[in-house]
Amino acid sequence: MVEQPEQPESPKLTHRHEAAWLRRLVRSAAQSLPGPLATAGAVVTGLAVSGFLGKHRAIVRSNLRRVLGRRSALREAVEVAETFTNFAQCLVESLAHQPGEVTQAHCEVQGEEHLTRALARGRGVIVVTAHAGAWDVAARQLSSVTSRPVMVVMAREPNVDARRMHDELRRAYGIEVVHVGEDALEGLSLLRHLRGDGIVAVQIDRVSKGSRALTVDLFGHPFSMPQGPFSLCSLTGASLVPVFVARRGRGDYLVCVHPEVTLPRRAEAPLLTAAAQQVAVSLAAFLRHYPTQWFHFEPW
């Protein structure tokens, strides 16, 4: 088992960076401006934000080095800037669409047979993804394509107004949102949803404070994943399917579906960790192709 190293303290964004009024402003601009202009504005915004967030730039550079290795200073600077501009463009597009417009997005799906096979088992599916690419848009597409109810598991944002605004937008697309981590009873809704043959989507590249974690190897370094999705897989018999989404252009996405992971009932820690390692292998494969679309702004 990989030992867990001491983690450096993560710099915290202030509430002004996550305020609801800022997201409303971004959404208003994204919906009112022509597509190319909105995209250009997102690029400028991403570059401006990266200029102010020096500590986060350093974190992104460190994470990219683990994925890509050390490169020239100029190339690393470009890749860090690309990460912030990609984040800004994905955020703008997630806020820009009106309900009903998601079907207009072009999504190429690779490995769709893995999801089809998992859905055919009739036990529900746990889709594990990451803070990468247009994952929010993909959740809407998942609901539209599969005709299954989708429940997205989210950590609670510290800014209540910002969280409520984004949650209301997701619900407008028919996506149910559940915030976990503070009330043990919240997990019951996930069990009911899976037993109803629904889809639960959860990000596995961050561990909420107070949650149990599994330590895996990612690019030769220890990396923590939340234990919850794997325990839920073992408890319910649902298949666990890694799905990662890359943005290729405005409204153009590549959905990468990887082979399903299954667990026996009441699996113990070694089996849970082995399943998490399988997901880490799938995540690494995606990141090798799209390293600047991983919005992991925390030290690793």
C-alpha atoms as a PDB file:
ATOM      1  CA  MET A   1       0.000   0.000   0.000  1.00  0.00           C
ATOM      2  CA  VAL A   2       1.275   3.476  -0.829  1.00  0.00           C
ATOM      3  CA  GLU A   3       1.972   5.580   2.224  1.00  0.00           C
ATOM      4  CA  GLN A   4       0.162   8.889   2.511  1.00  0.00           C
ATOM      5  CA  PRO A   5       2.595  11.835   2.647  1.00  0.00           C
ATOM      6  CA  GLU A   6       2.016  15.006   4.572  1.00  0.00           C
ATOM      7  CA  GLN A   7      -0.037  17.377   2.447  1.00  0.00           C
ATOM      8  CA  PRO A   8       0.978  21.026   2.150  1.00  0.00           C
ATOM      9  CA  GLU A   9      -1.675  23.484   3.143  1.00  0.00           C
ATOM     10  CA  SER A  10      -3.959  24.407   0.289  1.00  0.00           C
ATOM     11  CA  PRO A  11      -4.430  28.140  -0.336  1.00  0.00           C
ATOM     12  CA  LYS A  12      -8.070  29.062   0.072  1.00  0.00           C
ATOM     13  CA  LEU A  13     -10.014  31.146  -2.369  1.00  0.00           C
ATOM     14  CA  THR A  14     -11.863  33.929  -0.618  1.00  0.00           C
ATOM     15  CA  HIS A  15     -15.656  34.156  -0.751  1.00  0.00           C
ATOM     16  CA  ARG A  16     -15.496  36.816  -3.418  1.00  0.00           C
ATOM     17  CA  HIS A  17     -14.103  34.201  -5.842  1.00  0.00           C
ATOM     18  CA  GLU A  18     -17.077  31.907  -5.282  1.00  0.00           C
ATOM     19  CA  ALA A  19     -19.816  34.507  -4.826  1.00  0.00           C
ATOM     20  CA  ALA A  20     -23.212  33.974  -6.429  1.00  0.00           C
ATOM     21  CA  TRP A  21     -23.221  37.460  -7.961  1.00  0.00           C
ATOM     22  CA  LEU A  22     -20.028  36.648  -9.865  1.00  0.00           C
ATOM     23  CA  ARG A  23     -21.517  33.449 -11.274  1.00  0.00           C
ATOM     24  CA  ARG A  24     -24.699  35.277 -12.225  1.00  0.00           C
ATOM     25  CA  LEU A  25     -22.602  37.894 -13.994  1.00  0.00           C
ATOM     26  CA  VAL A  26     -20.704  35.182 -15.881  1.00  0.00           C
ATOM     27  CA  ARG A  27     -23.947  33.444 -16.817  1.00  0.00           C
ATOM     28  CA  SER A  28     -25.572  36.648 -18.008  1.00  0.00           C
ATOM     29  CA  ALA A  29     -22.570  37.519 -20.153  1.00  0.00           C
ATOM     30  CA  ALA A  30     -22.337  33.986 -21.535  1.00  0.00           C
ATOM     31  CA  GLN A  31     -25.998  33.941 -22.538  1.00  0.00           C
ATOM     32  CA  SER A  32     -26.083  37.443 -24.051  1.00  0.00           C
ATOM     33  CA  LEU A  33     -22.783  37.529 -25.944  1.00  0.00           C
ATOM     34  CA  PRO A  34     -22.223  35.774 -29.284  1.00  0.00           C
ATOM     35  CA  GLY A  35     -20.464  32.419 -28.911  1.00  0.00           C
ATOM     36  CA  PRO A  36     -17.012  33.442 -30.186  1.00  0.00           C
ATOM     37  CA  LEU A  37     -17.039  36.596 -28.052  1.00  0.00           C
ATOM     38  CA  ALA A  38     -18.065  34.660 -24.937  1.00  0.00           C
ATOM     39  CA  THR A  39     -15.251  32.179 -25.566  1.00  0.00           C
ATOM     40  CA  ALA A  40     -12.728  34.981 -26.032  1.00  0.00           C
ATOM     41  CA  GLY A  41     -13.960  36.619 -22.842  1.00  0.00           C
ATOM     42  CA  ALA A  42     -13.484  33.355 -20.965  1.00  0.00           C
ATOM     43  CA  VAL A  43      -9.897  33.090 -22.210  1.00  0.00           C
ATOM     44  CA  VAL A  44      -9.117  36.642 -21.077  1.00  0.00           C
ATOM     45  CA  THR A  45     -10.787  35.988 -17.726  1.00  0.00           C
ATOM     46  CA  GLY A  46      -8.818  32.785 -17.208  1.00  0.00           C
ATOM     47  CA  LEU A  47      -5.535  34.525 -17.916  1.00  0.00           C
ATOM     48  CA  ALA A  48      -6.448  37.407 -15.608  1.00  0.00           C
ATOM     49  CA  VAL A  49      -7.425  35.077 -12.768  1.00  0.00           C
ATOM     50  CA  SER A  50      -4.225  33.050 -13.150  1.00  0.00           C
ATOM     51  CA  GLY A  51      -2.270  36.272 -12.869  1.00  0.00           C
ATOM     52  CA  PHE A  52      -3.757  36.991  -9.445  1.00  0.00           C
ATOM     53  CA  LEU A  53      -3.600  33.468  -8.025  1.00  0.00           C
ATOM     54  CA  GLY A  54       0.133  32.898  -7.734  1.00  0.00           C
ATOM     55  CA  LYS A  55      -0.118  30.086  -5.175  1.00  0.00           C
ATOM     56  CA  HIS A  56      -2.649  28.231  -7.293  1.00  0.00           C
ATOM     57  CA  ARG A  57      -0.432  28.641 -10.358  1.00  0.00           C
ATOM     58  CA  ALA A  58       2.353  26.957  -8.421  1.00  0.00           C
ATOM     59  CA  ILE A  59       0.035  24.083  -7.471  1.00  0.00           C
ATOM     60  CA  VAL A  60      -1.100  23.602 -11.077  1.00  0.00           C
ATOM     61  CA  ARG A  61       2.529  23.648 -12.254  1.00  0.00           C
ATOM     62  CA  SER A  62       3.474  21.021  -9.669  1.00  0.00           C
ATOM     63  CA  ASN A  63       0.544  18.779 -10.644  1.00  0.00           C
ATOM     64  CA  LEU A  64       1.364  19.105 -14.351  1.00  0.00           C
ATOM     65  CA  ARG A  65       4.962  18.098 -13.674  1.00  0.00           C
ATOM     66  CA  ARG A  66       3.751  14.874 -12.086  1.00  0.00           C
ATOM     67  CA  VAL A  67       1.637  14.117 -15.147  1.00  0.00           C
ATOM     68  CA  LEU A  68       4.017  15.319 -17.878  1.00  0.00           C
ATOM     69  CA  GLY A  69       7.419  15.520 -16.213  1.00  0.00           C
ATOM     70  CA  ARG A  70       9.547  18.651 -15.928  1.00  0.00           C
ATOM     71  CA  ARG A  71       9.578  20.778 -19.087  1.00  0.00           C
ATOM     72  CA  SER A  72      11.026  24.121 -20.139  1.00  0.00           C
ATOM     73  CA  ALA A  73       9.949  27.137 -18.091  1.00  0.00           C
ATOM     74  CA  LEU A  74       8.185  28.646 -21.097  1.00  0.00           C
ATOM     75  CA  ARG A  75       6.283  25.480 -21.931  1.00  0.00           C
ATOM     76  CA  GLU A  76       5.235  25.002 -18.320  1.00  0.00           C
ATOM     77  CA  ALA A  77       4.017  28.609 -18.151  1.00  0.00           C
ATOM     78  CA  VAL A  78       1.921  28.067 -21.288  1.00  0.00           C
ATOM     79  CA  GLU A  79       0.428  24.847 -19.913  1.00  0.00           C
ATOM     80  CA  VAL A  80      -0.466  26.503 -16.609  1.00  0.00           C
ATOM     81  CA  ALA A  81      -2.164  29.345 -18.495  1.00  0.00           C
ATOM     82  CA  GLU A  82      -4.032  26.805 -20.645  1.00  0.00           C
ATOM     83  CA  THR A  83      -5.344  25.109 -17.515  1.00  0.00           C
ATOM     84  CA  PHE A  84      -6.873  28.338 -16.211  1.00  0.00           C
ATOM     85  CA  THR A  85      -8.328  29.338 -19.591  1.00  0.00           C
ATOM     86  CA  ASN A  86      -9.780  25.846 -20.071  1.00  0.00           C
ATOM     87  CA  PHE A  87     -11.389  26.110 -16.646  1.00  0.00           C
ATOM     88  CA  ALA A  88     -12.894  29.496 -17.479  1.00  0.00           C
ATOM     89  CA  GLN A  89     -14.280  28.266 -20.807  1.00  0.00           C
ATOM     90  CA  CYS A  90     -15.835  25.174 -19.233  1.00  0.00           C
ATOM     91  CA  LEU A  91     -17.399  27.292 -16.483  1.00  0.00           C
ATOM     92  CA  VAL A  92     -18.849  29.739 -19.006  1.00  0.00           C
ATOM     93  CA  GLU A  93     -20.371  26.923 -21.065  1.00  0.00           C
ATOM     94  CA  SER A  94     -21.817  25.190 -18.001  1.00  0.00           C
ATOM     95  CA  LEU A  95     -23.621  28.436 -17.124  1.00  0.00           C
ATOM     96  CA  ALA A  96     -24.508  29.508 -20.656  1.00  0.00           C
ATOM     97  CA  HIS A  97     -26.935  26.828 -21.808  1.00  0.00           C
ATOM     98  CA  GLN A  98     -30.630  27.130 -21.207  1.00  0.00           C
ATOM     99  CA  PRO A  99     -32.610  24.005 -20.250  1.00  0.00           C
ATOM    100  CA  GLY A 100     -33.297  22.076 -23.448  1.00  0.00           C
ATOM    101  CA  GLU A 101     -30.176  23.344 -25.193  1.00  0.00           C
ATOM    102  CA  VAL A 102     -27.931  20.599 -23.875  1.00  0.00           C
ATOM    103  CA  THR A 103     -29.091  18.285 -26.655  1.00  0.00           C
ATOM    104  CA  GLN A 104     -27.524  20.726 -29.124  1.00  0.00           C
ATOM    105  CA  ALA A 105     -24.073  20.028 -27.715  1.00  0.00           C
ATOM    106  CA  HIS A 106     -21.975  17.661 -29.780  1.00  0.00           C
ATOM    107  CA  CYS A 107     -20.671  14.777 -27.705  1.00  0.00           C
ATOM    108  CA  GLU A 108     -18.552  11.999 -29.155  1.00  0.00           C
ATOM    109  CA  VAL A 109     -18.584   8.998 -26.852  1.00  0.00           C
ATOM    110  CA  GLN A 110     -15.694   6.558 -26.708  1.00  0.00           C
ATOM    111  CA  GLY A 111     -16.317   3.284 -24.901  1.00  0.00           C
ATOM    112  CA  GLU A 112     -20.101   3.645 -24.733  1.00  0.00           C
ATOM    113  CA  GLU A 113     -20.386  -0.144 -24.591  1.00  0.00           C
ATOM    114  CA  HIS A 114     -18.961  -0.102 -21.053  1.00  0.00           C
ATOM    115  CA  LEU A 115     -21.808   2.109 -19.825  1.00  0.00           C
ATOM    116  CA  THR A 116     -24.397   0.125 -21.776  1.00  0.00           C
ATOM    117  CA  ARG A 117     -23.181  -3.120 -20.211  1.00  0.00           C
ATOM    118  CA  ALA A 118     -23.279  -1.649 -16.714  1.00  0.00           C
ATOM    119  CA  LEU A 119     -26.794  -0.243 -17.188  1.00  0.00           C
ATOM    120  CA  ALA A 120     -28.033  -3.616 -18.458  1.00  0.00           C
ATOM    121  CA  ARG A 121     -27.306  -5.196 -15.059  1.00  0.00           C
ATOM    122  CA  GLY A 122     -30.289  -3.292 -13.643  1.00  0.00           C
ATOM    123  CA  ARG A 123     -28.640  -2.418 -10.328  1.00  0.00           C
ATOM    124  CA  GLY A 124     -27.946   1.227 -10.991  1.00  0.00           C
ATOM    125  CA  VAL A 125     -24.619   2.731 -12.000  1.00  0.00           C
ATOM    126  CA  ILE A 126     -22.127   4.845 -10.083  1.00  0.00           C
ATOM    127  CA  VAL A 127     -20.357   7.140 -12.540  1.00  0.00           C
ATOM    128  CA  VAL A 128     -17.048   8.360 -11.135  1.00  0.00           C
ATOM    129  CA  THR A 129     -15.465  11.377 -12.742  1.00  0.00           C
ATOM    130  CA  ALA A 130     -13.104  14.209 -11.856  1.00  0.00           C
ATOM    131  CA  HIS A 131     -12.870  17.991 -11.866  1.00  0.00           C
ATOM    132  CA  ALA A 132     -11.867  17.761 -15.507  1.00  0.00           C
ATOM    133  CA  GLY A 133     -13.194  19.247 -18.716  1.00  0.00           C
ATOM    134  CA  ALA A 134     -16.904  19.975 -19.060  1.00  0.00           C
ATOM    135  CA  TRP A 135     -18.036  17.463 -16.454  1.00  0.00           C
ATOM    136  CA  ASP A 136     -21.114  19.533 -15.552  1.00  0.00           C
ATOM    137  CA  VAL A 137     -22.308  19.563 -19.167  1.00  0.00           C
ATOM    138  CA  ALA A 138     -21.630  15.822 -19.382  1.00  0.00           C
ATOM    139  CA  ALA A 139     -23.946  15.122 -16.439  1.00  0.00           C
ATOM    140  CA  ARG A 140     -26.782  16.752 -18.370  1.00  0.00           C
ATOM    141  CA  GLN A 141     -25.907  14.781 -21.483  1.00  0.00           C
ATOM    142  CA  LEU A 142     -25.841  11.572 -19.447  1.00  0.00           C
ATOM    143  CA  SER A 143     -29.419  12.150 -18.333  1.00  0.00           C
ATOM    144  CA  SER A 144     -30.550  12.917 -21.877  1.00  0.00           C
ATOM    145  CA  VAL A 145     -28.823   9.970 -23.579  1.00  0.00           C
ATOM    146  CA  THR A 146     -29.603   7.201 -21.072  1.00  0.00           C
ATOM    147  CA  SER A 147     -33.112   8.351 -20.066  1.00  0.00           C
ATOM    148  CA  ARG A 148     -32.170   7.394 -16.513  1.00  0.00           C
ATOM    149  CA  PRO A 149     -32.518   9.746 -13.537  1.00  0.00           C
ATOM    150  CA  VAL A 150     -29.140  11.237 -12.633  1.00  0.00           C
ATOM    151  CA  MET A 151     -28.174  12.248  -9.110  1.00  0.00           C
ATOM    152  CA  VAL A 152     -24.995  14.293  -8.709  1.00  0.00           C
ATOM    153  CA  VAL A 153     -23.166  14.053  -5.394  1.00  0.00           C
ATOM    154  CA  MET A 154     -21.492  17.321  -4.432  1.00  0.00           C
ATOM    155  CA  ALA A 155     -19.519  18.632  -1.490  1.00  0.00           C
ATOM    156  CA  ARG A 156     -21.042  21.702   0.122  1.00  0.00           C
ATOM    157  CA  GLU A 157     -19.534  24.935  -1.114  1.00  0.00           C
ATOM    158  CA  PRO A 158     -18.788  27.377   1.704  1.00  0.00           C
ATOM    159  CA  ASN A 159     -20.744  30.163  -0.021  1.00  0.00           C
ATOM    160  CA  VAL A 160     -24.426  29.255   0.449  1.00  0.00           C
ATOM    161  CA  ASP A 161     -25.798  31.648  -2.192  1.00  0.00           C
ATOM    162  CA  ALA A 162     -23.328  30.426  -4.829  1.00  0.00           C
ATOM    163  CA  ARG A 163     -24.138  26.811  -4.035  1.00  0.00           C
ATOM    164  CA  ARG A 164     -27.887  27.421  -4.220  1.00  0.00           C
ATOM    165  CA  MET A 165     -27.605  29.236  -7.555  1.00  0.00           C
ATOM    166  CA  HIS A 166     -25.602  26.465  -9.211  1.00  0.00           C
ATOM    167  CA  ASP A 167     -27.777  23.720  -7.701  1.00  0.00           C
ATOM    168  CA  GLU A 168     -30.933  25.381  -9.017  1.00  0.00           C
ATOM    169  CA  LEU A 169     -29.385  25.513 -12.477  1.00  0.00           C
ATOM    170  CA  ARG A 170     -28.583  21.783 -12.339  1.00  0.00           C
ATOM    171  CA  ARG A 171     -32.104  20.945 -11.186  1.00  0.00           C
ATOM    172  CA  ALA A 172     -33.507  22.934 -14.091  1.00  0.00           C
ATOM    173  CA  TYR A 173     -31.915  20.306 -16.334  1.00  0.00           C
ATOM    174  CA  GLY A 174     -33.495  17.485 -14.361  1.00  0.00           C
ATOM    175  CA  ILE A 175     -30.330  16.702 -12.404  1.00  0.00           C
ATOM    176  CA  GLU A 176     -30.946  15.937  -8.741  1.00  0.00           C
ATOM    177  CA  VAL A 177     -28.224  17.252  -6.426  1.00  0.00           C
ATOM    178  CA  VAL A 178     -27.273  15.719  -3.094  1.00  0.00           C
ATOM    179  CA  HIS A 179     -24.741  17.253  -0.733  1.00  0.00           C
ATOM    180  CA  VAL A 180     -23.023  14.722   1.479  1.00  0.00           C
ATOM    181  CA  GLY A 181     -20.506  14.826   4.280  1.00  0.00           C
ATOM    182  CA  GLU A 182     -22.374  16.384   7.181  1.00  0.00           C
ATOM    183  CA  ASP A 183     -25.440  14.173   7.728  1.00  0.00           C
ATOM    184  CA  ALA A 184     -25.138  10.383   7.598  1.00  0.00           C
ATOM    185  CA  LEU A 185     -28.808  10.086   6.593  1.00  0.00           C
ATOM    186  CA  GLU A 186     -28.084  11.823   3.290  1.00  0.00           C
ATOM    187  CA  GLY A 187     -26.543   8.572   2.036  1.00  0.00           C
ATOM    188  CA  LEU A 188     -29.964   6.906   2.162  1.00  0.00           C
ATOM    189  CA  SER A 189     -31.122   8.903  -0.859  1.00  0.00           C
ATOM    190  CA  LEU A 190     -28.183   7.494  -2.842  1.00  0.00           C
ATOM    191  CA  LEU A 191     -29.185   3.941  -1.923  1.00  0.00           C
ATOM    192  CA  ARG A 192     -32.792   4.544  -2.966  1.00  0.00           C
ATOM    193  CA  HIS A 193     -31.679   6.119  -6.232  1.00  0.00           C
ATOM    194  CA  LEU A 194     -29.458   3.187  -7.188  1.00  0.00           C
ATOM    195  CA  ARG A 195     -32.092   0.634  -6.197  1.00  0.00           C
ATOM    196  CA  GLY A 196     -34.401   2.477  -8.593  1.00  0.00           C
ATOM    197  CA  ASP A 197     -31.869   1.752 -11.370  1.00  0.00           C
ATOM    198  CA  GLY A 198     -30.683   5.357 -11.453  1.00  0.00           C
ATOM    199  CA  ILE A 199     -27.260   6.861 -12.048  1.00  0.00           C
ATOM    200  CA  VAL A 200     -25.213   8.449  -9.268  1.00  0.00           C
ATOM    201  CA  ALA A 201     -22.374  10.698 -10.435  1.00  0.00           C
ATOM    202  CA  VAL A 202     -19.530  11.633  -8.086  1.00  0.00           C
ATOM    203  CA  GLN A 203     -16.084  13.199  -8.434  1.00  0.00           C
ATOM    204  CA  ILE A 204     -13.250  11.130  -7.027  1.00  0.00           C
ATOM    205  CA  ASP A 205     -10.288  13.518  -7.211  1.00  0.00           C
ATOM    206  CA  ARG A 206     -11.034  15.371  -3.964  1.00  0.00           C
ATOM    207  CA  VAL A 207     -11.748  14.107  -0.470  1.00  0.00           C
ATOM    208  CA  SER A 208     -14.110  16.152   1.698  1.00  0.00           C
ATOM    209  CA  LYS A 209     -12.964  17.074   5.177  1.00  0.00           C
ATOM    210  CA  GLY A 210     -13.831  14.326   7.630  1.00  0.00           C
ATOM    211  CA  SER A 211     -14.469  11.719   4.922  1.00  0.00           C
ATOM    212  CA  ARG A 212     -12.653   8.404   4.709  1.00  0.00           C
ATOM    213  CA  ALA A 213     -10.057   8.088   1.953  1.00  0.00           C
ATOM    214  CA  LEU A 214      -8.331   5.366  -0.017  1.00  0.00           C
ATOM    215  CA  THR A 215      -4.711   5.885  -1.051  1.00  0.00           C
ATOM    216  CA  VAL A 216      -3.761   4.912  -4.597  1.00  0.00           C
ATOM    217  CA  ASP A 217      -0.798   5.411  -6.892  1.00  0.00           C
ATOM    218  CA  LEU A 218      -1.199   8.118  -9.540  1.00  0.00           C
ATOM    219  CA  PHE A 219       1.803   8.798 -11.786  1.00  0.00           C
ATOM    220  CA  GLY A 220       4.083   7.238  -9.193  1.00  0.00           C
ATOM    221  CA  HIS A 221       2.820   9.386  -6.309  1.00  0.00           C
ATOM    222  CA  PRO A 222       0.304   8.717  -3.504  1.00  0.00           C
ATOM    223  CA  PHE A 223      -3.132  10.160  -4.230  1.00  0.00           C
ATOM    224  CA  SER A 224      -6.275  10.140  -2.072  1.00  0.00           C
ATOM    225  CA  MET A 225      -9.714   9.165  -3.336  1.00  0.00           C
ATOM    226  CA  PRO A 226     -12.938   9.219  -1.304  1.00  0.00           C
ATOM    227  CA  GLN A 227     -13.912   5.790  -0.034  1.00  0.00           C
ATOM    228  CA  GLY A 228     -17.645   6.518  -0.268  1.00  0.00           C
ATOM    229  CA  PRO A 229     -18.279   5.606  -3.951  1.00  0.00           C
ATOM    230  CA  PHE A 230     -16.455   2.291  -3.566  1.00  0.00           C
ATOM    231  CA  SER A 231     -18.269   1.384  -0.352  1.00  0.00           C
ATOM    232  CA  LEU A 232     -21.554   2.280  -2.070  1.00  0.00           C
ATOM    233  CA  CYS A 233     -20.619   0.021  -5.000  1.00  0.00           C
ATOM    234  CA  SER A 234     -19.983  -2.883  -2.629  1.00  0.00           C
ATOM    235  CA  LEU A 235     -23.108  -2.220  -0.583  1.00  0.00           C
ATOM    236  CA  THR A 236     -25.539  -2.044  -3.522  1.00  0.00           C
ATOM    237  CA  GLY A 237     -23.983  -4.258  -6.183  1.00  0.00           C
ATOM    238  CA  ALA A 238     -24.080  -1.328  -8.611  1.00  0.00           C
ATOM    239  CA  SER A 239     -21.391  -1.133 -11.265  1.00  0.00           C
ATOM    240  CA  LEU A 240     -18.862   1.664 -11.016  1.00  0.00           C
ATOM    241  CA  VAL A 241     -17.955   3.272 -14.366  1.00  0.00           C
ATOM    242  CA  PRO A 242     -15.171   5.878 -14.789  1.00  0.00           C
ATOM    243  CA  VAL A 243     -16.246   8.647 -17.190  1.00  0.00           C
ATOM    244  CA  PHE A 244     -14.114  11.682 -18.036  1.00  0.00           C
ATOM    245  CA  VAL A 245     -14.976  14.511 -20.412  1.00  0.00           C
ATOM    246  CA  ALA A 246     -12.660  16.644 -22.533  1.00  0.00           C
ATOM    247  CA  ARG A 247     -13.695  19.933 -24.105  1.00  0.00           C
ATOM    248  CA  ARG A 248     -12.523  20.099 -27.738  1.00  0.00           C
ATOM    249  CA  GLY A 249     -14.169  23.377 -28.656  1.00  0.00           C
ATOM    250  CA  ARG A 250     -17.264  25.415 -27.912  1.00  0.00           C
ATOM    251  CA  GLY A 251     -20.103  22.932 -27.496  1.00  0.00           C
ATOM    252  CA  ASP A 252     -17.873  20.058 -28.652  1.00  0.00           C
ATOM    253  CA  TYR A 253     -16.972  17.377 -26.109  1.00  0.00           C
ATOM    254  CA  LEU A 254     -15.306  13.991 -26.006  1.00  0.00           C
ATOM    255  CA  VAL A 255     -16.781  11.615 -23.425  1.00  0.00           C
ATOM    256  CA  CYS A 256     -14.311   8.874 -22.441  1.00  0.00           C
ATOM    257  CA  VAL A 257     -16.017   5.864 -20.835  1.00  0.00           C
ATOM    258  CA  HIS A 258     -13.711   3.290 -19.255  1.00  0.00           C
ATOM    259  CA  PRO A 259     -14.365  -0.362 -18.331  1.00  0.00           C
ATOM    260  CA  GLU A 260     -16.652  -0.882 -15.350  1.00  0.00           C
ATOM    261  CA  VAL A 261     -15.388  -1.807 -11.908  1.00  0.00           C
ATOM    262  CA  THR A 262     -17.348  -4.225  -9.731  1.00  0.00           C
ATOM    263  CA  LEU A 263     -16.995  -5.269  -6.124  1.00  0.00           C
ATOM    264  CA  PRO A 264     -18.377  -8.161  -4.069  1.00  0.00           C
ATOM    265  CA  ARG A 265     -20.810  -7.403  -1.284  1.00  0.00           C
ATOM    266  CA  ARG A 266     -19.206  -6.286   1.984  1.00  0.00           C
ATOM    267  CA  ALA A 267     -15.790  -5.892   0.396  1.00  0.00           C
ATOM    268  CA  GLU A 268     -13.032  -5.111   2.864  1.00  0.00           C
ATOM    269  CA  ALA A 269     -10.396  -2.381   2.636  1.00  0.00           C
ATOM    270  CA  PRO A 270      -7.888  -4.190   0.362  1.00  0.00           C
ATOM    271  CA  LEU A 271     -10.560  -4.831  -2.291  1.00  0.00           C
ATOM    272  CA  LEU A 272     -11.847  -1.252  -2.034  1.00  0.00           C
ATOM    273  CA  THR A 273      -8.306   0.039  -2.536  1.00  0.00           C
ATOM    274  CA  ALA A 274      -7.776  -2.282  -5.503  1.00  0.00           C
ATOM    275  CA  ALA A 275     -10.953  -0.945  -7.122  1.00  0.00           C
ATOM    276  CA  ALA A 276      -9.828   2.624  -6.478  1.00  0.00           C
ATOM    277  CA  GLN A 277      -6.500   1.799  -8.124  1.00  0.00           C
ATOM    278  CA  GLN A 278      -8.361   0.631 -11.237  1.00  0.00           C
ATOM    279  CA  VAL A 279     -10.093   4.009 -11.367  1.00  0.00           C
ATOM    280  CA  ALA A 280      -6.735   5.750 -10.873  1.00  0.00           C
ATOM    281  CA  VAL A 281      -5.386   3.917 -13.924  1.00  0.00           C
ATOM    282  CA  SER A 282      -8.358   5.169 -15.975  1.00  0.00           C
ATOM    283  CA  LEU A 283      -7.888   8.722 -14.662  1.00  0.00           C
ATOM    284  CA  ALA A 284      -4.176   8.633 -15.528  1.00  0.00           C
ATOM    285  CA  ALA A 285      -4.960   7.469 -19.071  1.00  0.00           C
ATOM    286  CA  PHE A 286      -7.296  10.431 -19.538  1.00  0.00           C
ATOM    287  CA  LEU A 287      -4.900  12.960 -18.021  1.00  0.00           C
ATOM    288  CA  ARG A 288      -2.036  11.886 -20.269  1.00  0.00           C
ATOM    289  CA  HIS A 289      -4.105  13.107 -23.219  1.00  0.00           C
ATOM    290  CA  TYR A 290      -5.745  16.128 -21.544  1.00  0.00           C
ATOM    291  CA  PRO A 291      -3.457  17.310 -18.716  1.00  0.00           C
ATOM    292  CA  THR A 292      -4.488  20.978 -18.946  1.00  0.00           C
ATOM    293  CA  GLN A 293      -8.150  20.068 -18.485  1.00  0.00           C
ATOM    294  CA  TRP A 294      -7.659  18.805 -14.941  1.00  0.00           C
ATOM    295  CA  PHE A 295      -8.866  21.534 -12.614  1.00  0.00           C
ATOM    296  CA  HIS A 296      -7.238  20.184  -9.488  1.00  0.00           C
ATOM    297  CA  PHE A 297      -6.259  23.392  -7.714  1.00  0.00           C
ATOM    298  CA  GLU A 298      -5.134  21.645  -4.547  1.00  0.00           C
ATOM    299  CA  PRO A 299      -1.677  20.354  -3.560  1.00  0.00           C
ATOM    300  CA  TRP A 300      -1.070  16.697  -4.199  1.00  0.00           C
END
